[in-house]
N, C-alpha and C. Protein backbone atom coordinates (compact mmCIF):
# COMPACT_ATOMS: atom_id res chain seq x y z
N MET A 1 0.76 -1.22 -0.16
CA MET A 1 -0.31 -0.04 0.09
C MET A 1 0.28 1.17 0.03
N LYS A 2 0.67 1.90 -0.63
CA LYS A 2 0.94 3.66 -0.80
C LYS A 2 0.40 4.35 0.32
N LYS A 3 1.75 4.82 1.07
CA LYS A 3 1.68 5.61 2.20
C LYS A 3 1.17 6.96 1.89
N ALA A 4 0.11 7.55 2.82
CA ALA A 4 -0.88 8.79 2.88
C ALA A 4 -0.36 9.88 2.85
N GLU A 5 0.09 10.95 2.10
CA GLU A 5 0.33 11.85 2.02
C GLU A 5 -0.41 12.80 3.44
N VAL A 6 0.57 13.73 3.72
CA VAL A 6 -0.23 14.67 4.48
C VAL A 6 0.01 15.53 3.95
N VAL A 7 -0.89 16.40 3.92
CA VAL A 7 -1.28 18.21 3.41
C VAL A 7 -1.36 18.53 4.32
N ARG A 8 -0.47 19.81 4.21
CA ARG A 8 -1.01 21.32 5.05
C ARG A 8 -1.51 22.26 4.94
N LEU A 9 -2.18 22.99 5.70
CA LEU A 9 -2.62 24.32 4.99
C LEU A 9 -1.36 25.64 5.68
N TYR A 10 -0.44 25.46 5.55
CA TYR A 10 0.87 26.63 5.45
C TYR A 10 1.83 25.63 4.55
N LYS A 11 2.58 27.26 4.51
CA LYS A 11 3.46 26.13 3.21
C LYS A 11 4.68 26.36 3.92
N PHE A 12 5.31 25.74 4.95
CA PHE A 12 6.65 25.98 5.29
C PHE A 12 6.27 24.29 6.12
N SER A 13 7.63 24.24 6.27
CA SER A 13 8.14 22.29 7.05
C SER A 13 7.44 22.27 7.98
N ASP A 14 7.25 21.03 8.71
CA ASP A 14 7.43 21.08 10.60
C ASP A 14 7.91 21.55 10.75
N GLY A 15 8.83 21.28 10.85
CA GLY A 15 10.66 21.77 11.32
C GLY A 15 10.44 23.21 11.93
N LYS A 16 9.90 24.07 11.17
CA LYS A 16 10.02 25.27 10.82
C LYS A 16 9.19 25.96 12.11
N LEU A 17 7.51 25.18 11.39
CA LEU A 17 6.19 25.25 12.54
C LEU A 17 6.61 25.12 14.31
N ILE A 18 7.64 23.98 14.31
CA ILE A 18 7.90 23.36 15.56
C ILE A 18 9.15 23.96 16.17
N THR A 19 9.99 24.95 15.69
CA THR A 19 11.00 26.08 15.88
C THR A 19 10.19 27.53 16.25
N VAL A 20 9.43 27.74 15.76
CA VAL A 20 9.00 28.63 15.74
C VAL A 20 7.42 28.99 16.99
N ASP A 21 7.25 27.78 17.13
CA ASP A 21 5.95 27.67 18.79
C ASP A 21 6.87 27.10 19.78
N LYS A 22 8.60 26.76 19.65
CA LYS A 22 9.03 26.79 20.92
C LYS A 22 9.76 28.02 21.35
N GLU A 23 9.89 28.98 20.53
CA GLU A 23 10.32 30.24 20.44
C GLU A 23 9.27 31.13 20.69
N LYS A 24 7.95 31.22 20.56
CA LYS A 24 6.49 31.48 21.15
C LYS A 24 6.68 30.94 22.68
N ILE A 25 6.62 29.82 22.94
CA ILE A 25 6.27 29.28 24.23
C ILE A 25 7.19 30.01 24.91
N ALA A 26 9.06 29.86 24.59
CA ALA A 26 10.01 30.38 25.65
C ALA A 26 9.44 32.20 25.73
N PHE A 27 8.61 32.60 25.01
CA PHE A 27 8.71 34.21 25.17
C PHE A 27 7.34 34.38 26.12
N MET A 28 6.66 33.83 25.97
CA MET A 28 5.12 33.85 26.87
C MET A 28 5.67 33.33 27.89
N ARG A 29 6.32 32.55 28.68
CA ARG A 29 6.93 31.65 29.33
C ARG A 29 7.57 33.12 30.40
N ARG A 30 8.96 33.87 29.97
CA ARG A 30 9.47 35.00 30.24
C ARG A 30 8.83 36.04 30.07
N HIS A 31 7.64 36.31 29.32
CA HIS A 31 6.47 37.48 29.84
C HIS A 31 5.03 37.10 30.71
N ALA A 32 5.29 36.33 31.09
CA ALA A 32 4.00 35.12 31.61
C ALA A 32 2.86 36.23 32.59
N THR A 33 4.06 37.78 33.17
CA THR A 33 3.11 38.15 33.59
C THR A 33 1.87 39.29 32.75
N ALA A 34 2.69 39.33 31.64
CA ALA A 34 2.09 40.41 30.57
C ALA A 34 1.09 39.82 29.78
N PHE A 35 0.90 38.16 29.99
CA PHE A 35 0.47 37.31 28.70
C PHE A 35 -1.19 37.20 29.97
N THR A 36 -1.02 37.34 31.32
CA THR A 36 -2.12 37.24 31.71
C THR A 36 -3.15 37.71 31.40
N SER A 37 -3.06 39.07 31.16
CA SER A 37 -4.02 40.08 30.27
C SER A 37 -4.56 39.83 29.25
N PHE A 38 -4.36 38.65 28.70
CA PHE A 38 -4.73 38.16 27.26
C PHE A 38 -5.17 36.96 28.05
N SER A 39 -5.34 36.53 28.93
CA SER A 39 -6.11 35.25 29.61
C SER A 39 -4.66 33.73 28.97
N ILE A 40 -4.04 33.99 29.06
CA ILE A 40 -2.69 33.36 28.70
C ILE A 40 -2.25 33.22 29.57
N THR A 41 -2.61 31.74 30.59
CA THR A 41 -1.95 30.88 31.26
C THR A 41 -0.80 30.36 31.34
N ALA A 42 -0.40 29.70 32.14
CA ALA A 42 1.08 28.56 32.39
C ALA A 42 0.23 27.03 31.30
N ALA A 43 -1.11 26.65 32.35
CA ALA A 43 -1.83 25.47 31.57
C ALA A 43 -2.13 25.42 30.50
N LEU A 44 -2.50 26.63 29.56
CA LEU A 44 -2.46 26.60 28.31
C LEU A 44 -1.06 26.62 27.71
N VAL A 45 -0.04 27.26 28.18
CA VAL A 45 0.77 27.30 27.84
C VAL A 45 1.49 25.84 27.65
N LYS A 46 0.90 24.98 28.92
CA LYS A 46 1.49 23.76 29.40
C LYS A 46 1.07 23.02 27.92
N GLY A 47 0.07 23.32 27.85
CA GLY A 47 -1.11 22.20 26.79
C GLY A 47 -0.48 22.66 24.87
N LEU A 48 0.10 23.73 24.67
CA LEU A 48 0.35 24.30 23.50
C LEU A 48 1.99 23.30 23.32
N GLU A 49 2.57 23.23 24.58
CA GLU A 49 3.95 22.48 24.39
C GLU A 49 3.95 21.12 24.24
N THR A 50 2.72 20.63 24.79
CA THR A 50 2.74 19.03 24.90
C THR A 50 1.97 18.95 23.28
N SER A 51 1.17 19.35 22.68
CA SER A 51 0.59 19.50 21.33
C SER A 51 2.02 19.85 20.28
N ILE A 52 2.64 20.87 20.84
CA ILE A 52 3.89 20.66 19.50
C ILE A 52 4.90 19.24 19.98
N ASN A 53 5.22 18.80 21.25
CA ASN A 53 5.91 17.87 21.39
C ASN A 53 5.19 16.46 20.90
N THR A 54 4.06 16.37 21.16
CA THR A 54 3.01 14.76 19.45
C THR A 54 3.19 15.63 18.36
N LEU A 55 3.60 16.48 17.84
CA LEU A 55 3.39 16.49 16.65
C LEU A 55 5.39 16.35 16.22
N THR A 56 6.20 17.03 17.27
CA THR A 56 7.91 17.04 16.84
C THR A 56 7.70 15.13 16.95
N ASN A 57 7.33 14.26 17.60
CA ASN A 57 7.18 12.50 17.44
C ASN A 57 6.19 12.47 16.64
N PHE A 58 5.55 12.70 15.67
CA PHE A 58 4.87 12.22 14.70
C PHE A 58 5.36 11.87 13.32
N ASN A 59 6.33 12.95 13.25
CA ASN A 59 7.83 12.10 12.16
C ASN A 59 7.18 12.29 10.87
N THR A 60 6.58 13.91 10.41
CA THR A 60 5.70 13.62 8.97
C THR A 60 7.13 14.31 7.95
N ASN A 61 8.55 14.31 8.03
CA ASN A 61 8.87 15.07 7.06
C ASN A 61 9.96 13.63 6.98
N THR A 62 9.75 12.46 6.69
CA THR A 62 10.29 12.06 6.32
C THR A 62 10.26 11.10 4.58
């Protein structure tokens, strides 16, 4: 059977997406106080990090 091709809605690699997301997480943690006014909590950041780790483990760029 032929492996199903994954089609993304964005025009860059998953590796680039993961890198940018991890940078954003670091920024949100560094400026956590400022992000509380936008209802960004530590739990939301942790959830985003978990999702990114799932994508990293998915390994679609091979």
